[in-house]
Protein backbone atom coordinates (compact mmCIF):
# COMPACT_ATOMS: atom_id res chain seq x y z
CA MET A 1 0.00 0.00 0.00
CA THR A 2 1.33 3.42 -0.94
CA ARG A 3 0.65 6.33 1.38
CA VAL A 4 0.64 9.90 0.13
CA PHE A 5 1.42 12.74 2.50
CA PRO A 6 0.26 16.27 1.63
CA VAL A 7 3.59 18.11 1.62
CA GLN A 8 4.02 21.07 -0.69
CA ILE A 9 7.40 21.71 -2.27
CA ASP A 10 7.68 25.03 -0.40
CA ASP A 11 7.25 23.17 2.88
CA MET A 12 10.31 21.00 2.24
CA HIS A 13 12.53 23.80 3.53
CA GLU A 14 11.10 23.51 7.03
CA LEU A 15 11.16 19.71 6.92
CA SER A 16 14.88 19.64 6.07
CA ILE A 17 15.54 22.16 8.85
CA ILE A 18 13.76 19.92 11.38
CA GLU A 19 15.72 16.90 10.15
CA GLY A 20 18.93 18.90 10.65
CA ILE A 21 17.88 19.94 14.16
CA ILE A 22 17.16 16.32 15.07
CA LYS A 23 20.54 15.24 13.68
CA ILE A 24 22.39 17.94 15.67
CA THR A 25 20.46 16.98 18.81
CA GLU A 26 21.30 13.30 18.34
CA GLU A 27 25.00 14.20 18.07
CA GLU A 28 24.80 16.23 21.28
CA VAL A 29 23.06 13.37 23.10
CA LYS A 30 25.93 11.04 22.15
CA LYS A 31 28.60 13.59 22.98
CA TYR A 32 27.30 14.42 26.45
CA GLU A 33 25.69 11.05 27.22
CA VAL A 34 22.32 12.43 28.32
CA ASN A 35 19.24 10.27 28.93
CA ARG A 36 16.67 12.31 27.06
CA ILE A 37 15.84 15.69 25.60
CA ILE A 38 13.09 17.56 27.41
CA GLN A 39 13.02 20.77 25.39
CA ILE A 40 14.67 22.25 22.31
CA ARG A 41 14.70 26.04 22.14
CA LEU A 42 15.09 27.64 18.73
CA LYS A 43 15.56 31.25 17.69
CA VAL A 44 13.98 32.07 14.34
CA GLY A 45 14.27 35.51 12.75
CA ILE A 46 11.10 37.12 11.49
CA ILE A 47 12.62 37.66 8.03
CA SER A 48 14.37 34.28 7.85
CA GLY A 49 11.73 32.91 5.51
CA ILE A 50 11.00 30.08 7.94
CA MET A 51 7.50 29.42 9.21
CA PRO A 52 7.49 28.42 12.90
CA SER A 53 4.10 26.71 12.55
CA LEU A 54 5.53 24.36 9.92
CA LEU A 55 8.58 23.66 12.09
CA GLN A 56 6.22 22.64 14.91
CA GLU A 57 4.13 20.47 12.61
CA TYR A 58 7.10 18.66 11.08
CA PHE A 59 8.83 18.26 14.43
CA SER A 60 5.90 16.29 15.83
CA ILE A 61 6.07 13.96 12.81
CA ALA A 62 9.85 13.69 12.25
CA SER A 63 10.73 13.26 15.93
CA LYS A 64 8.88 9.94 16.24
CA GLY A 65 11.34 7.14 16.98
CA THR A 66 14.24 9.53 17.61
CA VAL A 67 15.97 10.76 20.77
CA VAL A 68 13.82 13.89 20.69
CA GLU A 69 10.49 12.08 20.61
CA GLY A 70 8.33 13.61 23.34
CA ALA A 71 10.48 16.74 23.63
CA VAL A 72 8.93 20.18 23.44
CA LEU A 73 10.03 22.41 20.57
CA LYS A 74 9.94 26.00 21.80
CA ILE A 75 10.41 28.66 19.13
CA GLU A 76 11.21 32.27 19.90
CA THR A 77 10.78 34.74 17.06
CA VAL A 78 13.60 37.27 16.75
CA PRO A 79 12.37 40.70 15.62
CA LEU A 80 13.76 42.70 12.72
CA ARG A 81 16.25 45.16 14.16
CA ILE A 82 17.95 47.68 11.90
CA LYS A 83 20.61 50.35 12.15
CA CYS A 84 20.34 53.39 9.93
CA LEU A 85 23.69 54.11 8.33
CA ASN A 86 22.62 57.72 7.79
CA CYS A 87 21.50 58.84 11.28
CA GLU A 88 23.02 55.91 13.26
CA CYS A 89 19.76 55.12 15.10
CA GLU A 90 18.78 51.53 15.87
CA ASN A 91 15.17 50.41 15.76
CA ILE A 92 13.08 47.31 16.03
CA MET A 93 10.78 47.32 13.05
CA GLU A 94 7.20 46.28 13.75
CA ASN A 95 6.50 46.12 10.03
CA ILE A 96 9.05 45.24 7.43
CA LYS A 97 9.87 48.66 6.01
CA ILE A 98 12.66 49.79 3.78
CA LYS A 99 13.18 53.20 5.36
CA CYS A 100 14.47 54.48 8.68
CA PRO A 101 11.53 55.63 10.83
CA ILE A 102 13.58 58.64 12.02
CA CYS A 103 15.30 60.14 8.98
CA LYS A 104 13.55 58.12 6.23
CA SER A 105 16.86 56.92 4.76
CA SER A 106 16.86 53.57 3.02
CA ASP A 107 20.55 53.02 3.81
CA LEU A 108 19.96 50.39 6.50
CA LYS A 109 21.91 47.54 8.03
CA ILE A 110 20.01 44.53 9.35
CA LEU A 111 21.20 43.68 12.87
CA SER A 112 18.79 40.83 13.61
CA GLY A 113 15.81 39.06 12.15
CA ARG A 114 17.46 36.50 9.84
CA GLU A 115 18.55 34.03 12.56
CA LEU A 116 17.93 30.34 12.79
CA TYR A 117 19.74 28.43 15.51
CA ILE A 118 19.34 26.08 18.42
CA ASP A 119 19.51 28.36 21.45
CA SER A 120 19.58 25.59 24.06
CA LEU A 121 18.66 22.04 24.92
CA GLU A 122 17.04 21.05 28.20
CA VAL A 123 18.16 17.53 29.02
CA GLU A 124 17.77 14.90 31.68
């Protein structure tokens, strides 16, 4: 019997990320000889192009039968923070804008918002 799972091509990005997170976690479990993973904390930038809801969905599926099965995946969204190279001000952008809210310059440097990393593992 063939089973078909409804996964769109665009979703594959998040699935491969989850598979990578599980692989990294498995390596850490071996390295530090821990019994089990209780929680995995991720930081995901708001403009990273990664959808936290899909990470959660795929984690619950891909973690079955692995060392992270039963662990909680906690995702913290990192806001878009910019520095204006014209007036030197730093701002957290509520909306993704292309201009400094102070001087209206579009000469900006992104300081945060593109991240994707494992922040910590809670183990037993």
